[in-house]
Amino acid sequence: MGTSSTQLKFKGTWNEVKGRIKQQYADLTDDDLKYEEGKDDELVGRLQQKVGKTKDEVINWIQNL
């Protein structure tokens, strides 16, 4: 059973991206947006639940911020 790992590529630093995410979804908390190196899938999963988008939509959205 293989797991595909999500590799997020950020334009700028994570703190800048996080700020842009919070502008669009003010109800997201710092815990929702907690990012740790190598745990991209966990972040995407949390955001999927909160914003109601698919995994691909969340990844594309983050990468285009």
Protein backbone atom coordinates (compact mmCIF):
# COMPACT_ATOMS: atom_id res chain seq x y z
CA MET A 1 0.00 0.00 0.00
CA GLY A 2 1.86 3.07 -1.25
CA THR A 3 1.16 6.54 -0.05
CA SER A 4 1.66 9.49 -2.32
CA SER A 5 3.27 12.35 -0.49
CA THR A 6 2.25 15.87 -1.33
CA GLN A 7 5.10 18.25 -1.97
CA LEU A 8 3.95 21.84 -1.65
CA LYS A 9 5.94 24.53 -3.38
CA PHE A 10 5.44 27.95 -1.86
CA LYS A 11 5.91 31.28 -3.57
CA GLY A 12 7.63 33.13 -0.73
CA THR A 13 7.84 31.98 2.86
CA TRP A 14 5.17 29.93 4.61
CA ASN A 15 4.32 32.88 6.90
CA GLU A 16 3.49 35.04 3.86
CA VAL A 17 1.39 32.27 2.33
CA LYS A 18 -0.35 31.67 5.66
CA GLY A 19 -1.26 35.37 5.83
CA ARG A 20 -2.81 35.24 2.36
CA ILE A 21 -4.78 32.12 3.31
CA LYS A 22 -6.13 33.85 6.43
CA GLN A 23 -7.23 36.82 4.32
CA GLN A 24 -9.41 34.50 2.24
CA TYR A 25 -10.58 32.26 5.11
CA ALA A 26 -10.60 34.29 8.30
CA ASP A 27 -12.05 31.40 10.33
CA LEU A 28 -8.88 29.30 9.90
CA THR A 29 -6.78 29.13 13.05
CA ASP A 30 -3.00 28.95 13.48
CA ASP A 31 -3.47 25.27 14.39
CA ASP A 32 -5.28 24.70 11.07
CA LEU A 33 -2.36 26.31 9.27
CA LYS A 34 0.44 24.67 11.23
CA TYR A 35 3.04 23.53 8.71
CA GLU A 36 5.88 21.16 9.44
CA GLU A 37 8.50 20.09 6.94
CA GLY A 38 7.52 16.74 5.44
CA LYS A 39 3.93 16.88 6.72
CA ASP A 40 2.32 18.47 3.68
CA ASP A 41 -0.41 15.81 3.55
CA GLU A 42 -1.58 16.66 7.07
CA LEU A 43 -1.83 20.36 6.24
CA VAL A 44 -3.71 19.69 3.01
CA GLY A 45 -6.08 17.33 4.85
CA ARG A 46 -6.89 19.92 7.50
CA LEU A 47 -7.51 22.58 4.88
CA GLN A 48 -9.69 20.21 2.82
CA GLN A 49 -11.97 19.70 5.81
CA LYS A 50 -12.15 23.41 6.65
CA VAL A 51 -12.65 24.89 3.18
CA GLY A 52 -14.49 22.03 1.48
CA LYS A 53 -12.18 21.63 -1.50
CA THR A 54 -10.57 18.56 -3.02
CA LYS A 55 -6.93 17.73 -2.35
CA ASP A 56 -5.91 18.94 -5.82
CA GLU A 57 -7.91 22.14 -5.42
CA VAL A 58 -6.24 22.87 -2.07
CA ILE A 59 -2.76 22.21 -3.46
CA ASN A 60 -3.33 24.37 -6.54
CA TRP A 61 -4.88 27.13 -4.43
CA ILE A 62 -1.92 27.24 -2.01
CA GLN A 63 0.64 27.15 -4.78
CA ASN A 64 -1.04 30.01 -6.64
CA LEU A 65 -1.26 32.37 -3.66
